């Protein structure tokens, strides 16, 4: 009897009993895997190294979904392809690149994702301003937008807003440097733009890096805590839209709108309440140090998705969460896709409808923008828009999602749109 007890204790020490997967967890995993391998030649999930840990979907010892990351197309340190490579090293299987106010890095990330077997969710983090109705004061609020593989519908309308924000970043950056100069810190604007790089709108991180390189601060954290934090002595605003406007535009263009790092806000309750009225879908609740209960409860109160990500920039140091370090429960991922997939489906319809109504090179480029390599594979045999649409739907949607009366009507009408040379020239057939 004593020997049997010892054996049981030894088994526990070696790892204990296995956590039994519930039917809900199994259903959630199947739902996530169905989406994960759409348009992919990858094996089904039962051949994929997934383990269950307290209801979370994990790949080996690393998180499968990373929903908040930045590249050097905004204020990150790594290129989109290097970011994807690092995600692969960390076991990430789904990565959303959410650069500040630009989607310029998405095509490179998608191409790298194909090489490393990582699915890319086209994303963006939009800089906005929230105005309190009580005090009239403003504070900076960041809204994450997640799009389907096809990208935003009405891309040009979204890009127009982003261009205004990016243009405002140059004005804002100069003002921050001017304020630093008045504080007897002779930082040069050219130093900031050199760090930002060509065609990149400078942000606070670029100013902070310039301060560090010039020896005016000991580290990046000090640059923010001493000078660049919200309402800091060198802080400045740019041409950010109102938060409600940004959320409404994300919804209009086929995105899932999520409030980023609400713990950084002064009045997070008012922000969440008003943005929910504008169409907000979710709020970041999970961080690398776990779930923040206060925001989880607010998400429950306002029926919002509970998401999260590392907000990885690649700056290094012990204060930065590693890419793929946030453990999202598989039920949260299922909820995200349950909300997102129908929205992304409607965005595809809107994009195809626009192309049908005006079959121009510009509108065709919006279809090809983020996934051109896969779409154009075998395109020499195309003769009309219907064949293009069939190709897109085959790699973007499941069979069930494709079996839709609206898609069928669009396919028939697109038979009259002739494509003459891999999409470089489009005419309307008789």
Protein backbone atom coordinates (compact mmCIF):
# COMPACT_ATOMS: atom_id res chain seq x y z
CA UNK A 1 0.00 0.00 0.00
CA UNK A 2 2.83 2.36 0.95
CA UNK A 3 4.68 1.44 -2.28
CA UNK A 4 1.60 2.25 -4.36
CA UNK A 5 1.30 5.65 -2.69
CA UNK A 6 4.96 6.38 -3.45
CA UNK A 7 4.42 5.48 -7.11
CA UNK A 8 1.44 7.85 -7.33
CA UNK A 9 3.48 10.65 -5.74
CA UNK A 10 6.32 10.03 -8.21
CA UNK A 11 3.89 10.33 -11.12
CA UNK A 12 2.62 13.63 -9.75
CA UNK A 13 6.17 14.97 -9.44
CA UNK A 14 6.91 13.96 -13.04
CA UNK A 15 4.02 16.08 -14.29
CA UNK A 16 0.85 14.95 -12.55
CA UNK A 17 -2.37 14.01 -14.24
CA UNK A 18 -3.17 15.45 -17.65
CA UNK A 19 -5.67 18.30 -17.85
CA UNK A 20 -8.80 16.89 -19.43
CA UNK A 21 -9.98 18.88 -22.41
CA UNK A 22 -13.60 19.97 -22.12
CA UNK A 23 -16.01 19.74 -25.05
CA UNK A 24 -16.09 23.56 -25.13
CA UNK A 25 -12.31 23.71 -25.45
CA UNK A 26 -12.33 21.08 -28.17
CA UNK A 27 -15.00 23.00 -30.08
CA UNK A 28 -13.05 26.26 -29.69
CA UNK A 29 -9.84 24.64 -30.94
CA UNK A 30 -11.62 23.21 -33.98
CA UNK A 31 -13.17 26.60 -34.73
CA UNK A 32 -9.81 28.35 -34.50
CA UNK A 33 -8.02 25.68 -36.55
CA UNK A 34 -10.65 25.80 -39.31
CA UNK A 35 -9.81 29.45 -39.81
CA UNK A 36 -6.06 29.03 -39.23
CA UNK A 37 -5.63 26.70 -42.19
CA UNK A 38 -7.99 28.35 -44.70
CA UNK A 39 -6.18 28.52 -48.04
CA UNK A 40 -3.21 26.67 -46.57
CA UNK A 41 -1.60 23.34 -47.37
CA UNK A 42 -0.64 22.96 -43.69
CA UNK A 43 -1.77 19.87 -41.79
CA UNK A 44 -4.97 19.84 -39.74
CA UNK A 45 -4.78 20.80 -36.11
CA UNK A 46 -4.47 17.27 -34.72
CA UNK A 47 -1.08 17.05 -36.44
CA UNK A 48 -0.13 20.51 -35.17
CA UNK A 49 1.78 20.69 -31.88
CA UNK A 50 -0.91 22.22 -29.71
CA UNK A 51 -1.31 21.69 -25.99
CA UNK A 52 -3.99 22.87 -23.59
CA UNK A 53 -3.00 24.77 -20.48
CA UNK A 54 -5.87 26.02 -18.33
CA UNK A 55 -8.07 26.55 -21.38
CA UNK A 56 -5.46 28.35 -23.47
CA UNK A 57 -4.32 27.43 -26.95
CA UNK A 58 -0.57 27.18 -27.03
CA UNK A 59 2.01 25.93 -29.50
CA UNK A 60 4.70 24.10 -27.57
CA UNK A 61 5.53 26.55 -24.80
CA UNK A 62 4.59 29.64 -26.82
CA UNK A 63 1.43 31.50 -27.64
CA UNK A 64 -0.16 30.88 -31.01
CA UNK A 65 -1.75 34.35 -31.49
CA UNK A 66 0.19 37.62 -31.14
CA UNK A 67 -2.23 40.51 -31.71
CA UNK A 68 -0.14 43.62 -30.99
CA UNK A 69 3.27 44.23 -32.57
CA UNK A 70 5.25 46.93 -34.34
CA UNK A 71 7.89 47.07 -37.06
CA UNK A 72 10.25 49.77 -38.30
CA UNK A 73 7.52 50.97 -40.62
CA UNK A 74 6.37 52.91 -37.55
CA UNK A 75 8.28 52.95 -34.24
CA UNK A 76 9.50 49.36 -34.01
CA UNK A 77 13.12 48.32 -34.33
CA UNK A 78 12.76 45.28 -36.62
CA UNK A 79 11.70 45.12 -40.26
CA UNK A 80 8.37 43.35 -40.90
CA UNK A 81 10.18 40.25 -42.18
CA UNK A 82 12.54 40.15 -39.19
CA UNK A 83 9.56 40.58 -36.88
CA UNK A 84 7.87 37.58 -38.50
CA UNK A 85 11.09 35.59 -38.21
CA UNK A 86 11.28 36.37 -34.50
CA UNK A 87 7.63 35.40 -34.10
CA UNK A 88 8.43 32.08 -35.76
CA UNK A 89 11.35 31.53 -33.39
CA UNK A 90 9.00 32.17 -30.46
CA UNK A 91 6.41 29.66 -31.69
CA UNK A 92 3.81 32.22 -32.80
CA UNK A 93 1.44 30.90 -35.48
CA UNK A 94 -0.77 33.97 -36.02
CA UNK A 95 0.69 37.47 -35.97
CA UNK A 96 -1.00 40.83 -36.36
CA UNK A 97 1.32 43.64 -37.40
CA UNK A 98 -0.27 46.74 -35.89
CA UNK A 99 2.03 49.61 -36.80
CA UNK A 100 1.06 53.13 -35.79
CA UNK A 101 -1.08 54.82 -38.45
CA UNK A 102 0.26 52.82 -41.41
CA UNK A 103 -0.26 49.48 -43.12
CA UNK A 104 2.87 49.85 -45.25
CA UNK A 105 4.57 46.86 -43.64
CA UNK A 106 1.75 44.36 -44.19
CA UNK A 107 2.74 43.08 -47.69
CA UNK A 108 6.29 42.32 -46.49
CA UNK A 109 4.93 40.64 -43.35
CA UNK A 110 2.51 38.51 -45.39
CA UNK A 111 5.30 37.39 -47.72
CA UNK A 112 7.55 36.51 -44.75
CA UNK A 113 4.60 34.75 -43.13
CA UNK A 114 4.34 32.46 -46.17
CA UNK A 115 8.01 31.51 -45.77
CA UNK A 116 7.78 30.86 -42.02
CA UNK A 117 4.31 29.32 -41.90
CA UNK A 118 2.75 32.19 -39.93
CA UNK A 119 -0.69 33.58 -40.70
CA UNK A 120 -0.76 37.39 -40.77
CA UNK A 121 -3.75 39.41 -39.64
CA UNK A 122 -3.46 42.84 -41.33
CA UNK A 123 -3.70 45.35 -38.51
CA UNK A 124 -3.07 48.92 -37.51
CA UNK A 125 -2.95 51.01 -34.34
CA UNK A 126 -4.67 54.34 -34.97
CA UNK A 127 -3.69 57.39 -32.91
CA UNK A 128 -6.76 59.33 -31.76
CA UNK A 129 -7.87 61.96 -29.27
CA UNK A 130 -10.68 61.49 -26.76
CA UNK A 131 -12.42 64.59 -25.45
CA UNK A 132 -14.08 64.42 -22.04
CA UNK A 133 -17.61 65.82 -22.06
CA UNK A 134 -17.33 66.69 -18.39
CA UNK A 135 -14.01 68.55 -18.25
CA UNK A 136 -13.36 69.26 -21.92
CA UNK A 137 -9.83 67.87 -21.53
CA UNK A 138 -8.30 65.65 -24.21
CA UNK A 139 -6.21 62.53 -23.92
CA UNK A 140 -4.46 60.26 -26.38
CA UNK A 141 -6.31 57.01 -27.11
CA UNK A 142 -5.05 54.26 -29.41
CA UNK A 143 -7.46 52.02 -31.31
CA UNK A 144 -6.35 48.69 -32.80
CA UNK A 145 -8.01 47.61 -36.05
CA UNK A 146 -7.90 44.00 -37.25
CA UNK A 147 -8.76 43.18 -40.87
CA UNK A 148 -9.21 39.96 -42.82
CA UNK A 149 -6.59 38.68 -45.25
CA UNK A 150 -8.11 40.81 -48.01
CA UNK A 151 -7.49 43.98 -46.01
CA UNK A 152 -9.85 46.93 -45.53
CA UNK A 153 -12.82 47.66 -47.75
CA UNK A 154 -12.78 51.27 -49.01
CA UNK A 155 -9.02 51.28 -48.50
CA UNK A 156 -8.59 54.75 -49.98
CA UNK A 157 -10.94 56.29 -47.41
CA UNK A 158 -8.99 54.72 -44.55
CA UNK A 159 -5.67 55.71 -46.08
CA UNK A 160 -6.79 59.34 -46.42
CA UNK A 161 -7.33 59.47 -42.66
CA UNK A 162 -3.98 57.80 -42.00
CA UNK A 163 -2.14 60.23 -44.30
CA UNK A 164 -3.50 63.16 -42.28
CA UNK A 165 -2.33 61.54 -39.05
CA UNK A 166 1.13 60.79 -40.49
CA UNK A 167 1.49 64.32 -41.85
CA UNK A 168 0.58 65.59 -38.41
CA UNK A 169 3.32 63.43 -36.91
CA UNK A 170 5.96 65.50 -38.71
CA UNK A 171 4.49 68.71 -37.28
CA UNK A 172 4.21 67.09 -33.85
CA UNK A 173 7.79 65.77 -34.00
CA UNK A 174 9.19 69.21 -34.81
CA UNK A 175 7.22 70.69 -31.92
CA UNK A 176 8.62 68.08 -29.50
CA UNK A 177 12.16 68.88 -30.63
CA UNK A 178 11.44 72.61 -30.26
CA UNK A 179 10.17 72.07 -26.71
CA UNK A 180 13.29 70.05 -25.88
CA UNK A 181 15.46 72.86 -27.27
CA UNK A 182 13.67 75.32 -24.98
CA UNK A 183 14.54 72.96 -22.11
CA UNK A 184 18.21 73.49 -23.05
CA UNK A 185 18.48 70.13 -24.82
CA UNK A 186 19.95 70.91 -28.26
CA UNK A 187 18.50 67.89 -30.06
CA UNK A 188 18.39 68.22 -33.86
CA UNK A 189 15.34 67.39 -36.00
CA UNK A 190 17.61 65.74 -38.58
CA UNK A 191 18.73 63.26 -35.92
CA UNK A 192 15.11 62.21 -35.33
CA UNK A 193 14.26 61.80 -39.03
CA UNK A 194 17.45 59.80 -39.63
CA UNK A 195 16.40 57.33 -36.93
CA UNK A 196 12.83 57.15 -38.25
CA UNK A 197 14.06 56.33 -41.76
CA UNK A 198 12.79 57.16 -45.21
CA UNK A 199 9.01 57.54 -45.59
CA UNK A 200 8.38 56.79 -41.90
CA UNK A 201 6.37 59.35 -39.92
CA UNK A 202 8.36 60.09 -36.75
CA UNK A 203 6.85 59.33 -33.36
CA UNK A 204 7.81 59.70 -29.72
CA UNK A 205 9.93 56.56 -29.86
CA UNK A 206 12.13 58.10 -32.56
CA UNK A 207 12.58 61.25 -30.47
CA UNK A 208 13.39 59.07 -27.44
CA UNK A 209 15.99 57.12 -29.42
CA UNK A 210 17.57 60.36 -30.61
CA UNK A 211 17.76 61.59 -27.00
CA UNK A 212 19.43 58.32 -25.99
CA UNK A 213 21.90 58.34 -28.88
CA UNK A 214 22.83 61.95 -28.13
CA UNK A 215 23.44 61.11 -24.48
CA UNK A 216 20.68 63.26 -22.99
CA UNK A 217 19.01 60.31 -21.24
CA UNK A 218 20.30 57.05 -19.83
CA UNK A 219 17.64 54.85 -21.43
CA UNK A 220 14.40 54.99 -23.42
CA UNK A 221 12.24 54.72 -20.32
CA UNK A 222 13.85 57.87 -18.89
CA UNK A 223 13.16 59.74 -22.14
CA UNK A 224 9.46 59.07 -21.68
CA UNK A 225 9.19 59.51 -17.92
CA UNK A 226 11.19 62.74 -17.96
CA UNK A 227 10.13 64.43 -21.20
CA UNK A 228 7.77 62.60 -23.57
CA UNK A 229 4.97 61.11 -21.49
CA UNK A 230 1.42 62.38 -22.02
CA UNK A 231 1.35 65.99 -20.78
CA UNK A 232 5.14 65.83 -20.31
CA UNK A 233 7.28 68.94 -20.82
CA UNK A 234 8.13 67.95 -24.41
CA UNK A 235 4.86 66.23 -25.31
CA UNK A 236 2.84 67.44 -28.29
CA UNK A 237 -0.23 66.32 -30.21
CA UNK A 238 -0.56 66.07 -33.97
CA UNK A 239 -3.54 65.75 -36.34
CA UNK A 240 -5.27 62.84 -34.66
CA UNK A 241 -8.98 62.26 -35.30
CA UNK A 242 -11.50 61.93 -32.50
CA UNK A 243 -11.67 58.40 -31.07
CA UNK A 244 -15.32 57.86 -32.03
CA UNK A 245 -14.58 58.88 -35.63
CA UNK A 246 -11.76 56.33 -35.88
CA UNK A 247 -13.88 53.50 -34.44
CA UNK A 248 -16.72 54.25 -36.87
CA UNK A 249 -14.29 54.26 -39.82
CA UNK A 250 -12.76 50.94 -38.74
CA UNK A 251 -16.26 49.43 -38.66
CA UNK A 252 -17.14 51.00 -42.02
CA UNK A 253 -14.02 49.56 -43.68
CA UNK A 254 -14.54 46.03 -42.38
CA UNK A 255 -12.32 45.93 -39.32
CA UNK A 256 -12.60 44.75 -35.73
CA UNK A 257 -12.01 47.73 -33.41
CA UNK A 258 -10.24 47.10 -30.09
CA UNK A 259 -9.15 49.61 -27.44
CA UNK A 260 -5.38 49.38 -26.88
CA UNK A 261 -3.72 49.44 -23.41
CA UNK A 262 -6.68 50.94 -21.49
CA UNK A 263 -4.64 50.86 -18.27
CA UNK A 264 -2.73 53.89 -19.62
CA UNK A 265 -5.88 56.04 -19.75
CA UNK A 266 -6.99 58.60 -17.19
CA UNK A 267 -10.72 57.93 -17.58
CA UNK A 268 -10.93 54.43 -19.06
CA UNK A 269 -14.58 53.95 -18.02
CA UNK A 270 -15.81 56.95 -20.05
CA UNK A 271 -13.64 55.97 -23.00
CA UNK A 272 -14.92 52.40 -23.08
CA UNK A 273 -18.55 53.44 -22.63
CA UNK A 274 -18.53 56.02 -25.41
CA UNK A 275 -16.48 53.96 -27.84
CA UNK A 276 -18.81 51.01 -27.32
CA UNK A 277 -21.62 53.29 -28.50
CA UNK A 278 -19.51 54.13 -31.57
CA UNK A 279 -19.07 50.44 -32.45
CA UNK A 280 -16.06 49.25 -30.43
CA UNK A 281 -15.76 45.44 -30.49
CA UNK A 282 -13.19 44.73 -27.80
CA UNK A 283 -10.63 45.88 -25.27
CA UNK A 284 -7.15 44.70 -24.36
CA UNK A 285 -7.42 42.80 -21.10
CA UNK A 286 -4.51 40.35 -21.24
CA UNK A 287 -0.84 41.26 -20.82
CA UNK A 288 2.28 39.17 -20.35
CA UNK A 289 1.74 39.41 -16.58
CA UNK A 290 -1.80 37.99 -16.84
CA UNK A 291 -5.39 39.20 -17.02
CA UNK A 292 -6.30 42.57 -15.56
CA UNK A 293 -9.55 41.95 -13.71
CA UNK A 294 -10.77 45.56 -13.72
CA UNK A 295 -10.76 45.64 -17.53
CA UNK A 296 -12.11 42.11 -17.78
CA UNK A 297 -15.10 43.18 -15.70
CA UNK A 298 -15.61 46.28 -17.86
CA UNK A 299 -15.49 44.08 -20.98
CA UNK A 300 -18.22 41.92 -19.43
CA UNK A 301 -20.28 44.99 -18.53
CA UNK A 302 -20.20 46.33 -22.09
CA UNK A 303 -20.21 42.94 -23.88
CA UNK A 304 -16.78 43.45 -25.42
CA UNK A 305 -14.17 40.98 -26.61
CA UNK A 306 -11.29 40.37 -24.20
CA UNK A 307 -8.03 40.42 -26.14
CA UNK A 308 -4.41 41.46 -25.68
CA UNK A 309 -0.90 41.35 -27.09
CA UNK A 310 2.67 42.09 -26.18
CA UNK A 311 2.87 45.54 -27.87
CA UNK A 312 6.31 44.37 -28.98
CA UNK A 313 8.64 46.98 -30.49
CA UNK A 314 11.95 45.09 -30.42
CA UNK A 315 13.71 47.71 -28.31
CA UNK A 316 15.00 45.06 -25.90
CA UNK A 317 15.50 45.39 -22.19
CA UNK A 318 13.76 43.82 -19.24
CA UNK A 319 10.81 46.22 -19.38
CA UNK A 320 9.59 44.99 -22.78
CA UNK A 321 7.25 42.01 -23.10
CA UNK A 322 8.54 39.41 -25.55
CA UNK A 323 6.74 38.70 -28.80
CA UNK A 324 4.22 35.93 -28.13
CA UNK A 325 4.34 36.24 -24.34
CA UNK A 326 0.65 36.99 -23.76
CA UNK A 327 -1.39 33.88 -23.04
CA UNK A 328 -4.81 34.33 -24.65
CA UNK A 329 -7.47 31.75 -23.73
CA UNK A 330 -8.68 29.71 -26.69
CA UNK A 331 -12.26 30.82 -25.93
CA UNK A 332 -11.14 34.45 -26.35
CA UNK A 333 -9.64 33.58 -29.75
CA UNK A 334 -12.82 31.79 -30.77
CA UNK A 335 -14.86 34.83 -29.75
CA UNK A 336 -12.55 37.13 -31.71
CA UNK A 337 -12.93 35.06 -34.89
CA UNK A 338 -16.68 34.64 -34.37
CA UNK A 339 -17.01 38.44 -34.47
CA UNK A 340 -14.29 39.03 -37.05
CA UNK A 341 -14.97 36.48 -39.77
CA UNK A 342 -18.45 37.73 -40.79
CA UNK A 343 -17.14 41.31 -40.76
CA UNK A 344 -14.18 40.34 -42.96
CA UNK A 345 -16.54 38.44 -45.28
CA UNK A 346 -18.62 41.57 -45.79
CA UNK A 347 -15.44 43.55 -46.49
CA UNK A 348 -14.56 41.14 -49.32
CA UNK A 349 -18.03 41.62 -50.81
CA UNK A 350 -17.65 45.41 -50.61
CA UNK A 351 -14.21 45.33 -52.26
CA UNK A 352 -15.43 43.06 -55.08
CA UNK A 353 -18.56 45.18 -55.52
CA UNK A 354 -16.43 48.32 -55.91
CA UNK A 355 -14.28 46.56 -58.50
CA UNK A 356 -17.39 45.47 -60.40
CA UNK A 357 -18.84 48.98 -60.41
CA UNK A 358 -15.54 50.54 -61.45
CA UNK A 359 -13.12 47.93 -62.88
CA UNK A 360 -10.00 50.07 -62.72
CA UNK A 361 -6.35 49.23 -62.05
CA UNK A 362 -6.65 51.15 -58.77
CA UNK A 363 -9.57 49.06 -57.54
CA UNK A 364 -7.89 45.87 -58.68
CA UNK A 365 -4.78 46.84 -56.71
CA UNK A 366 -6.96 47.07 -53.59
CA UNK A 367 -7.87 43.41 -54.09
CA UNK A 368 -4.23 42.41 -54.58
CA UNK A 369 -2.72 44.78 -52.02
CA UNK A 370 -1.83 42.38 -49.18
CA UNK A 371 -1.91 38.93 -50.77
CA UNK A 372 -0.79 39.43 -54.37
CA UNK A 373 1.73 36.55 -54.51
CA UNK A 374 -0.88 33.90 -53.68
CA UNK A 375 -3.61 35.52 -55.77
CA UNK A 376 -1.46 35.97 -58.88
CA UNK A 377 -0.14 32.42 -58.79
CA UNK A 378 -1.44 30.85 -62.00
CA UNK A 379 -3.03 34.11 -63.13
CA UNK A 380 -1.83 33.72 -66.75
CA UNK A 381 -4.89 31.54 -67.37
CA UNK A 382 -7.39 34.14 -66.15
CA UNK A 383 -9.74 35.77 -68.60
CA UNK A 384 -12.27 37.58 -66.42
CA UNK A 385 -13.06 38.99 -63.00
CA UNK A 386 -15.03 35.90 -62.06
CA UNK A 387 -11.88 33.76 -62.20
CA UNK A 388 -10.04 36.33 -60.10
CA UNK A 389 -12.82 36.28 -57.51
CA UNK A 390 -12.88 32.46 -57.45
CA UNK A 391 -9.14 32.48 -56.76
CA UNK A 392 -9.47 35.04 -53.96
CA UNK A 393 -12.37 33.30 -52.25
CA UNK A 394 -10.59 29.94 -52.41
CA UNK A 395 -7.64 31.26 -50.39
CA UNK A 396 -9.53 33.67 -48.11
CA UNK A 397 -12.67 31.81 -47.08
CA UNK A 398 -13.95 28.38 -46.10
CA UNK A 399 -16.36 26.47 -48.36
CA UNK A 400 -19.27 27.42 -46.11
CA UNK A 401 -18.36 31.11 -46.24
CA UNK A 402 -18.09 31.01 -50.04
CA UNK A 403 -21.52 29.43 -50.48
CA UNK A 404 -23.39 32.71 -50.37
CA UNK A 405 -26.03 34.17 -52.70
CA UNK A 406 -24.32 37.57 -52.76
CA UNK A 407 -20.99 36.05 -53.73
CA UNK A 408 -22.71 34.02 -56.47
CA UNK A 409 -24.39 37.15 -57.88
CA UNK A 410 -21.06 38.99 -57.88
CA UNK A 411 -19.31 36.07 -59.59
CA UNK A 412 -21.85 36.07 -62.41
CA UNK A 413 -21.57 39.83 -62.97
CA UNK A 414 -17.77 39.73 -62.82
CA UNK A 415 -17.80 37.32 -65.79
CA UNK A 416 -18.23 40.45 -67.91
CA UNK A 417 -15.11 42.13 -66.54
CA UNK A 418 -12.15 41.20 -68.72
CA UNK A 419 -8.63 41.09 -67.30
CA UNK A 420 -6.05 41.30 -70.07
CA UNK A 421 -2.63 41.04 -68.44
CA UNK A 422 -2.23 39.80 -64.88
CA UNK A 423 -4.42 42.64 -63.71
CA UNK A 424 -2.31 45.40 -65.24
CA UNK A 425 -5.08 46.32 -67.66
CA UNK A 426 -8.81 45.93 -67.07
CA UNK A 427 -11.69 46.45 -69.49
CA UNK A 428 -15.41 45.82 -69.39
CA UNK A 429 -16.66 43.10 -71.68
CA UNK A 430 -19.79 43.40 -73.75
